[in-house]
Structures are given as structure tokens and as C-alpha cells.
Protein backbone atom coordinates (compact mmCIF):
# COMPACT_ATOMS: atom_id res chain seq x y z
CA UNK A 1 0.00 0.00 0.00
CA UNK A 2 1.36 3.42 -0.92
CA UNK A 3 1.12 6.36 1.43
CA UNK A 4 1.65 9.64 -0.41
CA UNK A 5 3.60 12.34 1.41
CA UNK A 6 2.37 15.91 1.04
CA UNK A 7 4.97 18.72 1.39
CA UNK A 8 3.76 21.48 3.72
CA UNK A 9 5.56 24.83 3.97
CA UNK A 10 6.67 26.06 7.38
CA UNK A 11 5.31 29.45 8.51
CA UNK A 12 8.36 30.05 10.74
CA UNK A 13 11.92 28.69 10.33
CA UNK A 14 11.73 26.51 13.44
CA UNK A 15 14.55 24.18 12.41
CA UNK A 16 18.34 24.32 12.24
CA UNK A 17 21.40 22.95 10.53
CA UNK A 18 22.28 19.25 10.85
CA UNK A 19 25.72 19.71 9.37
CA UNK A 20 27.02 16.66 7.50
CA UNK A 21 25.77 14.10 10.02
CA UNK A 22 23.88 11.15 8.50
CA UNK A 23 20.41 10.24 9.76
CA UNK A 24 21.03 7.70 12.53
CA UNK A 25 17.68 7.32 14.32
CA UNK A 26 13.99 8.05 14.12
CA UNK A 27 12.16 9.84 16.95
CA UNK A 28 8.43 9.17 17.20
CA UNK A 29 6.22 11.45 19.31
CA UNK A 30 2.52 11.11 20.03
CA UNK A 31 0.33 14.21 20.13
CA UNK A 32 -2.96 14.27 21.98
CA UNK A 33 -4.36 17.03 19.80
CA UNK A 34 -6.26 16.94 16.55
CA UNK A 35 -4.35 16.60 13.31
CA UNK A 36 -5.25 20.00 11.80
CA UNK A 37 -4.39 21.81 15.06
CA UNK A 38 -1.17 19.83 15.45
CA UNK A 39 -0.21 20.71 11.88
CA UNK A 40 -0.73 24.43 12.56
CA UNK A 41 1.48 24.30 15.68
CA UNK A 42 4.19 22.16 14.09
CA UNK A 43 4.56 24.37 11.03
CA UNK A 44 5.17 27.46 13.21
CA UNK A 45 1.69 28.98 13.20
CA UNK A 46 1.34 29.29 16.97
CA UNK A 47 4.78 30.68 17.92
CA UNK A 48 5.72 27.51 19.82
CA UNK A 49 9.36 26.70 19.10
CA UNK A 50 8.72 23.15 17.93
CA UNK A 51 8.82 21.31 14.59
CA UNK A 52 8.95 17.81 13.10
CA UNK A 53 10.09 16.27 9.86
CA UNK A 54 6.85 14.34 9.32
CA UNK A 55 3.35 14.37 10.79
CA UNK A 56 1.46 11.10 10.31
CA UNK A 57 -2.31 11.31 10.63
CA UNK A 58 -4.29 8.90 12.75
CA UNK A 59 -7.45 9.17 10.67
CA UNK A 60 -8.23 8.41 7.04
CA UNK A 61 -7.82 11.36 4.74
CA UNK A 62 -5.13 13.27 6.66
CA UNK A 63 -2.18 11.25 5.37
CA UNK A 64 1.47 12.07 5.91
CA UNK A 65 2.74 15.65 5.90
CA UNK A 66 6.43 16.54 5.35
CA UNK A 67 7.33 19.77 7.15
CA UNK A 68 11.11 20.01 7.69
CA UNK A 69 13.61 18.75 5.11
CA UNK A 70 15.62 15.73 6.24
CA UNK A 71 18.78 17.75 5.61
CA UNK A 72 17.73 20.10 8.44
CA UNK A 73 17.34 19.50 12.20
CA UNK A 74 13.73 19.66 13.40
CA UNK A 75 13.21 20.99 16.91
CA UNK A 76 10.89 18.09 17.90
CA UNK A 77 9.82 18.59 21.52
CA UNK A 78 11.02 22.20 21.62
CA UNK A 79 13.69 23.71 23.82
CA UNK A 80 15.28 21.16 26.15
CA UNK A 81 15.60 21.78 29.88
């Protein structure tokens, strides 16, 4: 089964440089929100300093959204403490 990936533009540049490091792991987060609201936050629409490479929908019709290029570092859970 194919799952198309839709490219979504970020509203804010909430990502950084990865340098020349290869991809070495995958981080999976769960969000308790709704997909459309999560998408708005994760693309920089709510001024929360967080981003992801991909957002995978839980419901039919939402699909997979690509937000940050794999050559960049997404900020995932935001600023660490």
C-alpha cells in the first residue's frame, strides 16, 4: 500500500542545521491534539518553538505531511531543559 507524502511549507523557520551528520535514528512522538491543530502548531503557526520532519495522521484522509527537510534538524519537543 502506498502512502503519499504531502509537502507542507513552514510558517516560521523553526529548524536548524544538521551539518554533515547522517540520519542515525527516528524519533516518534505522540500528540494528543487533533491533526489540523497539530499541523498548525508544528509548522510554526502558533509561535511555539517546535517542529517535526513528518506528521502522520491517525485518521483516514489526513495522510502524511512533510514539514522540515531531512537535511535540516527539526526541533521536535522544543527547547530542552
